[in-house]
Protein backbone atom coordinates (compact mmCIF):
# COMPACT_ATOMS: atom_id res chain seq x y z
CA MET A 1 16.87 -19.94 -19.38
CA SER A 2 18.37 -18.24 -16.37
CA ASN A 3 19.04 -21.62 -14.76
CA MET A 4 21.09 -22.97 -17.66
CA ARG A 5 24.73 -23.66 -16.86
CA PHE A 6 27.17 -24.07 -19.72
CA LYS A 7 30.29 -25.85 -18.51
CA GLN A 8 32.14 -25.58 -21.80
CA TRP A 9 30.28 -22.92 -23.82
CA GLY A 10 30.52 -19.22 -23.09
CA PRO A 11 27.72 -16.60 -22.91
CA CYS A 12 28.06 -15.75 -26.60
CA ALA A 13 27.58 -19.39 -27.58
CA MET A 14 24.51 -19.57 -25.36
CA ARG A 15 22.92 -16.58 -27.14
CA TRP A 16 23.63 -18.11 -30.54
CA ALA A 17 22.12 -21.40 -29.41
CA VAL A 18 18.89 -19.65 -28.51
CA LEU A 19 18.78 -17.94 -31.92
CA LEU A 20 19.64 -21.16 -33.70
CA ALA A 21 16.84 -22.97 -31.91
CA ALA A 22 14.40 -20.42 -33.31
CA TRP A 23 15.79 -20.60 -36.84
CA LEU A 24 15.97 -24.37 -37.20
CA SER A 25 12.23 -25.04 -37.12
CA ALA A 26 12.58 -27.80 -39.68
CA ALA A 27 15.41 -29.66 -38.01
CA GLY A 28 14.18 -33.06 -39.10
CA ALA A 29 11.11 -35.23 -38.91
CA GLY A 30 10.37 -37.69 -36.18
CA ALA A 31 7.19 -39.73 -35.93
CA VAL A 32 4.90 -38.80 -38.79
CA GLU A 33 3.27 -35.44 -38.15
CA VAL A 34 -0.13 -35.60 -39.82
CA ALA A 35 -0.83 -32.58 -42.02
CA GLY A 36 -4.35 -31.27 -42.44
CA LEU A 37 -5.59 -32.94 -39.28
CA TYR A 38 -8.44 -30.44 -38.98
CA ASP A 39 -9.39 -30.38 -42.67
CA VAL A 40 -11.93 -32.81 -44.15
CA VAL A 41 -13.81 -33.34 -47.39
CA VAL A 42 -17.41 -34.51 -47.04
CA GLY A 43 -19.91 -35.72 -49.60
CA PRO A 44 -22.47 -33.47 -51.28
CA PRO A 45 -25.01 -32.16 -48.72
CA ASP A 46 -28.22 -34.22 -48.67
CA LYS A 47 -30.52 -31.36 -47.84
CA SER A 48 -28.57 -28.25 -46.87
CA ARG A 49 -25.11 -26.88 -46.37
CA ASP A 50 -25.56 -27.34 -42.63
CA SER A 51 -25.73 -31.11 -43.05
CA ALA A 52 -22.26 -31.01 -44.62
CA PHE A 53 -20.94 -28.96 -41.71
CA THR A 54 -22.42 -31.39 -39.21
CA GLU A 55 -20.78 -34.34 -40.96
CA ALA A 56 -17.47 -32.47 -41.18
CA LEU A 57 -17.49 -31.70 -37.46
CA ARG A 58 -18.30 -35.31 -36.72
CA GLN A 59 -15.34 -36.52 -38.76
CA VAL A 60 -12.90 -34.00 -37.30
CA ALA A 61 -13.94 -34.89 -33.75
CA VAL A 62 -13.21 -38.58 -34.40
CA ARG A 63 -9.89 -37.84 -36.11
CA ALA A 64 -8.64 -35.41 -33.46
CA SER A 65 -9.67 -37.52 -30.47
CA GLY A 66 -9.04 -41.07 -31.68
CA ASP A 67 -12.46 -41.96 -30.25
CA ARG A 68 -14.95 -43.39 -32.76
CA ASN A 69 -17.87 -42.14 -30.66
CA ALA A 70 -16.56 -38.58 -30.45
CA GLY A 71 -18.45 -37.34 -33.50
CA ALA A 72 -21.86 -38.17 -32.12
CA LYS A 73 -21.02 -36.63 -28.73
CA VAL A 74 -19.67 -33.37 -30.14
CA THR A 75 -22.39 -32.80 -32.73
CA ALA A 76 -25.14 -33.62 -30.23
CA ALA A 77 -23.77 -31.00 -27.83
CA ASN A 78 -23.21 -28.45 -30.62
CA PRO A 79 -26.13 -28.60 -33.08
CA ASP A 80 -25.08 -25.34 -34.79
CA SER A 81 -22.03 -26.87 -36.50
CA ARG A 82 -21.67 -23.94 -38.89
CA ARG A 83 -20.39 -21.57 -36.20
CA TYR A 84 -17.18 -23.55 -35.70
CA VAL A 85 -16.15 -23.66 -39.37
CA GLN A 86 -13.07 -21.57 -40.16
CA ARG A 87 -13.09 -22.09 -43.95
CA PHE A 88 -14.95 -24.09 -46.58
CA SER A 89 -15.18 -24.44 -50.34
CA PHE A 90 -17.22 -26.44 -52.81
CA LYS A 91 -15.36 -28.76 -55.15
CA PRO A 92 -16.35 -29.45 -58.79
CA ASP A 93 -17.68 -32.89 -57.85
CA GLY A 94 -20.09 -31.36 -55.33
CA THR A 95 -18.14 -32.34 -52.23
CA VAL A 96 -17.32 -29.75 -49.60
CA ALA A 97 -13.86 -29.05 -48.17
CA VAL A 98 -14.21 -27.86 -44.56
CA GLY A 99 -11.44 -26.63 -42.28
CA TYR A 100 -11.29 -25.93 -38.55
CA ASP A 101 -8.95 -24.16 -36.19
CA SER A 102 -7.12 -26.59 -33.92
CA ALA A 103 -7.84 -24.56 -30.80
CA THR A 104 -11.56 -24.61 -31.55
CA VAL A 105 -11.60 -28.37 -32.02
CA GLU A 106 -9.67 -28.92 -28.81
CA LYS A 107 -12.14 -26.74 -26.89
CA LEU A 108 -15.04 -28.81 -28.21
CA LEU A 109 -13.31 -32.05 -27.24
CA THR A 110 -12.50 -30.66 -23.80
CA ALA A 111 -16.10 -29.61 -23.24
CA ALA A 112 -17.23 -33.13 -24.15
CA ASN A 113 -14.56 -34.67 -21.87
CA LEU A 114 -12.97 -36.41 -24.84
CA PRO A 115 -9.27 -37.18 -25.35
CA ILE A 116 -6.98 -35.20 -27.63
CA TRP A 117 -4.74 -37.12 -30.02
CA GLY A 118 -1.89 -34.98 -31.28
CA ARG A 119 -0.43 -34.61 -34.75
CA GLU A 120 2.47 -37.00 -34.00
CA ARG A 121 1.21 -40.44 -34.94
CA PRO A 122 2.85 -43.81 -35.59
CA ALA A 123 3.88 -44.52 -39.18
CA THR A 124 2.04 -47.79 -39.79
CA LEU A 125 3.40 -50.33 -42.26
CA VAL A 126 0.59 -52.29 -43.93
CA TRP A 127 1.07 -55.88 -45.05
CA VAL A 128 -2.17 -57.08 -46.61
CA ASN A 129 -2.78 -60.17 -48.72
CA VAL A 130 -5.93 -60.34 -50.86
CA PRO A 131 -7.12 -62.97 -53.36
CA ASP A 132 -7.82 -61.74 -56.87
CA ALA A 133 -10.90 -62.74 -58.89
CA ALA A 134 -9.28 -66.08 -59.72
CA GLY A 135 -8.46 -66.75 -56.07
CA ARG A 136 -4.72 -66.11 -56.38
CA ALA A 137 -3.24 -64.53 -53.25
CA THR A 138 -1.61 -61.15 -53.90
CA TRP A 139 0.27 -58.84 -51.56
CA VAL A 140 -0.78 -55.20 -51.83
CA GLY A 141 2.22 -52.92 -52.20
CA ALA A 142 3.21 -49.38 -53.07
CA GLY A 143 2.47 -49.94 -56.75
CA TRP A 144 -0.95 -51.50 -56.25
CA THR A 145 -3.86 -49.57 -57.79
CA GLY A 146 -6.80 -51.78 -56.83
CA ALA A 147 -9.96 -50.97 -54.92
CA GLU A 148 -8.71 -52.79 -51.81
CA ARG A 149 -5.88 -50.33 -51.25
CA ASP A 150 -8.21 -47.40 -51.99
CA ALA A 151 -10.60 -48.57 -49.27
CA ILE A 152 -7.80 -48.85 -46.72
CA GLU A 153 -6.40 -45.44 -47.67
CA ALA A 154 -9.82 -43.80 -47.38
CA ALA A 155 -10.29 -45.19 -43.87
CA ALA A 156 -6.79 -44.01 -42.91
CA ARG A 157 -7.56 -40.47 -44.07
CA GLN A 158 -10.71 -40.47 -41.97
CA ARG A 159 -8.81 -41.54 -38.86
CA GLY A 160 -5.66 -39.48 -39.49
CA LEU A 161 -3.45 -42.57 -39.51
CA PRO A 162 -0.26 -42.33 -41.63
CA LEU A 163 0.32 -45.49 -43.66
CA VAL A 164 3.45 -46.91 -45.27
CA TRP A 165 3.14 -49.38 -48.15
CA PRO A 166 5.91 -51.89 -48.87
CA ALA A 167 7.65 -52.17 -52.22
CA MET A 168 6.89 -55.91 -52.29
CA ASP A 169 10.24 -56.75 -53.83
CA ALA A 170 12.14 -59.97 -53.15
CA GLN A 171 13.19 -58.84 -49.68
CA ASP A 172 9.60 -58.04 -48.73
CA ILE A 173 8.32 -61.35 -50.08
CA SER A 174 10.82 -63.10 -47.84
CA THR A 175 9.66 -61.02 -44.88
CA VAL A 176 5.95 -61.74 -45.32
CA THR A 177 6.62 -65.45 -45.81
CA GLY A 178 8.13 -65.44 -42.33
CA LEU A 179 5.21 -63.44 -40.94
CA MET A 180 2.71 -66.04 -42.10
CA THR A 181 4.37 -68.65 -39.88
CA ALA A 182 5.32 -66.38 -36.93
CA ARG A 183 2.60 -63.86 -36.16
CA ASP A 184 3.78 -62.84 -32.70
CA ALA A 185 4.00 -59.13 -31.84
CA GLU A 186 7.81 -58.98 -31.81
CA THR A 187 8.17 -60.56 -35.26
CA LEU A 188 5.37 -58.43 -36.65
CA LEU A 189 6.85 -55.18 -35.39
CA SER A 190 10.40 -56.07 -36.45
CA SER A 191 9.14 -56.48 -40.02
CA GLY A 192 8.73 -52.71 -40.18
CA ALA A 193 12.42 -51.97 -39.53
CA ARG A 194 13.24 -51.61 -43.23
CA TYR A 195 10.62 -48.86 -43.59
CA ARG A 196 11.32 -47.23 -40.20
CA ALA A 197 7.72 -47.94 -39.23
CA ASP A 198 6.51 -47.41 -35.67
CA ALA A 199 3.64 -49.90 -36.00
CA VAL A 200 2.72 -52.80 -38.28
CA LEU A 201 -0.68 -53.90 -39.54
CA LEU A 202 -1.00 -57.37 -41.11
CA GLY A 203 -4.11 -58.52 -42.94
CA MET A 204 -4.87 -61.92 -44.50
CA ALA A 205 -8.03 -61.77 -46.60
CA SER A 206 -10.36 -64.42 -48.00
CA ARG A 207 -13.46 -64.25 -50.22
CA ASP A 208 -16.79 -65.95 -49.69
CA ALA A 209 -19.00 -67.32 -52.47
CA THR A 210 -20.36 -63.85 -53.19
CA GLY A 211 -16.90 -62.36 -53.53
CA MET A 212 -17.04 -60.42 -50.26
CA LEU A 213 -13.73 -60.03 -48.45
CA THR A 214 -13.13 -60.92 -44.83
CA VAL A 215 -9.74 -60.03 -43.33
CA ARG A 216 -7.92 -61.43 -40.30
CA TRP A 217 -6.09 -58.39 -38.95
CA SER A 218 -3.15 -58.25 -36.55
CA PHE A 219 -1.77 -54.94 -35.30
CA SER A 220 1.44 -54.40 -33.33
CA PHE A 221 2.48 -51.18 -31.61
CA ASN A 222 4.17 -50.23 -28.35
CA GLY A 223 5.08 -53.86 -27.66
CA GLU A 224 1.49 -55.07 -27.76
CA GLN A 225 -0.56 -56.94 -30.35
CA ALA A 226 -4.29 -56.86 -31.09
CA GLU A 227 -6.35 -58.89 -33.53
CA LEU A 228 -9.79 -58.87 -35.10
CA GLN A 229 -11.65 -60.17 -38.12
CA GLY A 230 -13.67 -57.90 -40.35
CA ALA A 231 -13.76 -55.74 -43.46
CA LEU A 232 -10.81 -53.98 -45.06
CA GLU A 233 -11.53 -50.76 -43.19
CA GLU A 234 -11.61 -52.51 -39.82
CA GLY A 235 -7.86 -52.99 -39.85
CA VAL A 236 -7.37 -49.21 -39.98
CA HIS A 237 -9.89 -48.70 -37.19
CA LEU A 238 -8.10 -51.30 -35.07
CA ALA A 239 -4.77 -49.54 -35.62
CA ALA A 240 -6.18 -46.07 -34.93
CA ASP A 241 -8.08 -47.17 -31.83
CA ARG A 242 -5.04 -48.89 -30.32
CA SER A 243 -2.63 -46.07 -31.22
CA ALA A 244 -4.90 -43.43 -29.73
CA LYS A 245 -5.27 -45.51 -26.57
CA VAL A 246 -1.51 -45.22 -26.11
CA LEU A 247 -0.92 -41.63 -27.26
CA ALA A 248 -4.11 -39.61 -26.72
CA VAL A 249 -4.47 -37.63 -23.49
CA MET A 250 -7.44 -36.33 -21.56
CA PRO A 251 -7.59 -32.54 -21.85
CA GLY A 252 -7.39 -31.85 -18.12
CA ALA A 253 -4.28 -33.96 -17.51
CA ARG A 254 -1.12 -31.94 -16.76
CA SER A 255 2.37 -33.01 -15.67
CA ASP A 256 5.89 -31.65 -15.32
CA VAL A 257 8.37 -34.23 -16.56
CA ARG A 258 12.14 -34.22 -16.23
CA VAL A 259 13.80 -35.08 -19.54
CA ARG A 260 17.52 -35.74 -20.00
CA VAL A 261 19.09 -35.99 -23.46
CA ALA A 262 22.69 -37.08 -24.00
CA GLY A 263 24.65 -36.61 -27.22
CA ILE A 264 24.28 -32.81 -27.37
CA ALA A 265 27.67 -32.34 -29.01
CA ASN A 266 27.15 -28.92 -30.58
CA LEU A 267 24.77 -25.99 -31.02
CA GLU A 268 22.86 -27.67 -33.82
CA ALA A 269 22.11 -30.71 -31.68
CA TYR A 270 20.96 -28.43 -28.87
CA ALA A 271 18.67 -26.52 -31.24
CA ARG A 272 17.24 -29.66 -32.82
CA THR A 273 16.39 -31.11 -29.44
CA LEU A 274 14.61 -27.98 -28.22
CA ASN A 275 12.73 -27.53 -31.48
CA TYR A 276 11.55 -31.11 -31.47
CA LEU A 277 10.25 -31.04 -27.91
CA GLU A 278 8.65 -27.60 -28.20
CA GLY A 279 6.92 -28.68 -31.41
CA LEU A 280 5.17 -31.72 -29.92
CA THR A 281 1.41 -31.31 -29.64
CA LEU A 282 1.30 -32.48 -26.04
CA VAL A 283 4.15 -30.20 -24.88
CA ARG A 284 3.13 -26.87 -23.33
CA ALA A 285 6.55 -25.54 -22.34
CA VAL A 286 10.20 -26.55 -22.08
CA ALA A 287 12.52 -25.13 -19.41
CA VAL A 288 16.23 -25.83 -19.80
CA GLU A 289 17.82 -26.51 -16.43
CA GLN A 290 21.38 -27.50 -17.24
CA LEU A 291 23.76 -28.42 -20.02
CA GLN A 292 26.75 -30.29 -18.63
CA SER A 293 29.25 -31.85 -21.00
CA ASP A 294 26.96 -33.32 -23.70
CA VAL A 295 23.92 -33.92 -21.43
CA LEU A 296 20.94 -31.56 -21.54
CA ASP A 297 18.53 -31.52 -18.58
CA MET A 298 15.06 -30.03 -19.04
CA ARG A 299 11.74 -29.78 -17.27
CA VAL A 300 8.92 -30.31 -19.76
CA SER A 301 5.33 -29.31 -19.06
CA VAL A 302 2.96 -31.66 -20.88
CA ARG A 303 -0.66 -32.52 -21.37
CA GLY A 304 -0.80 -36.08 -20.12
CA ASP A 305 1.98 -37.75 -18.18
CA ALA A 306 5.53 -39.07 -18.43
CA PRO A 307 4.60 -42.43 -20.05
CA VAL A 308 2.78 -40.70 -22.93
CA LEU A 309 5.70 -38.33 -23.47
CA ARG A 310 8.15 -41.24 -23.41
CA LYS A 311 6.13 -43.19 -25.98
CA THR A 312 5.83 -40.14 -28.22
CA ILE A 313 9.56 -39.40 -28.15
CA ALA A 314 10.37 -43.09 -28.67
CA MET A 315 8.69 -42.93 -32.10
CA ASP A 316 11.37 -40.47 -33.25
CA ARG A 317 14.42 -42.44 -34.27
CA ARG A 318 16.75 -39.54 -33.57
CA PHE A 319 16.19 -40.22 -29.87
CA VAL A 320 17.02 -43.61 -28.38
CA MET A 321 15.77 -44.48 -24.90
CA ASP A 322 18.76 -44.68 -22.57
CA ARG A 323 19.13 -46.56 -19.30
CA GLU A 324 16.70 -45.69 -16.52
CA SER A 325 17.68 -42.65 -14.52
CA ALA A 326 18.00 -42.90 -10.75
CA ASP A 327 16.24 -39.54 -10.32
CA GLY A 328 13.24 -40.55 -12.44
CA ALA A 329 14.06 -38.44 -15.49
CA LEU A 330 13.16 -39.73 -18.95
CA THR A 331 16.60 -40.33 -20.44
CA PHE A 332 17.39 -40.40 -24.16
CA ARG A 333 20.38 -40.18 -26.42
CA LEU A 334 20.39 -38.08 -29.58
CA VAL A 335 21.81 -40.35 -32.26
CA ASN A 336 21.61 -38.32 -35.50
């Protein structure tokens, strides 16, 4: 930090800021940071324990890359899946809990030239309407305990996609009524404001004569909308595929990005900003260049490029994108 210039704070304050940045490791959550990203539970082995390890590696590769084909590529290149396991245990129901080290998984993805999708992922609000056995349309909410929600949740765990379920109270009913008549991306995404969601997934289901569900899915994230028709799980796959396309980075990509954050009014704000940036999966290093008035200038070394960093930071509501900077820096304002 030899290049840092404090216009209003003295050397003692600077030393305390550095210490405070180290102490405040839990300075607040931004976009949802997925826990247990490299831990999976797989079904009872068909023939041997090795088959469980192969399936576990396949699932982790898909979850950590955002690429649905990653599992086949990684397991084909690494037939001895057992050697990469860091921990495992058998559960009473016969399933196997398998855990991996993040560095090991990233090395495997790099060797296979696959992208890496970090822990910071968009909180996705799910609006889904399903007909019951009598054909009555019902919105699935936070209190729903049916098989339809279980299927969606299971797919989300497999892909590492954090979901938010609405309360489905009177306000939510009013919101979804409007969505059914205005399904554009802007309206869809704005419906998540109440739940501070980064992305919104809308599904309208129907049943055929055999009772099988087909869902028309619409997903909105990063100002774009995508649609498909398929099973309940396909909505999650659509959301995960599109989110990873925006946020995942190829392992060899490296950039130095100038980042400017205004609103650094005190030592706590300074510490929170540094902790947040240094904690991002795609960030390799943060160098503070200057603190002038309440504006903090940094040079951030990242995997990926400036657009990916901008989109990642934009998911954290403590940082609001500010006007474009003439010198090309990504400019934000710390708001809380």
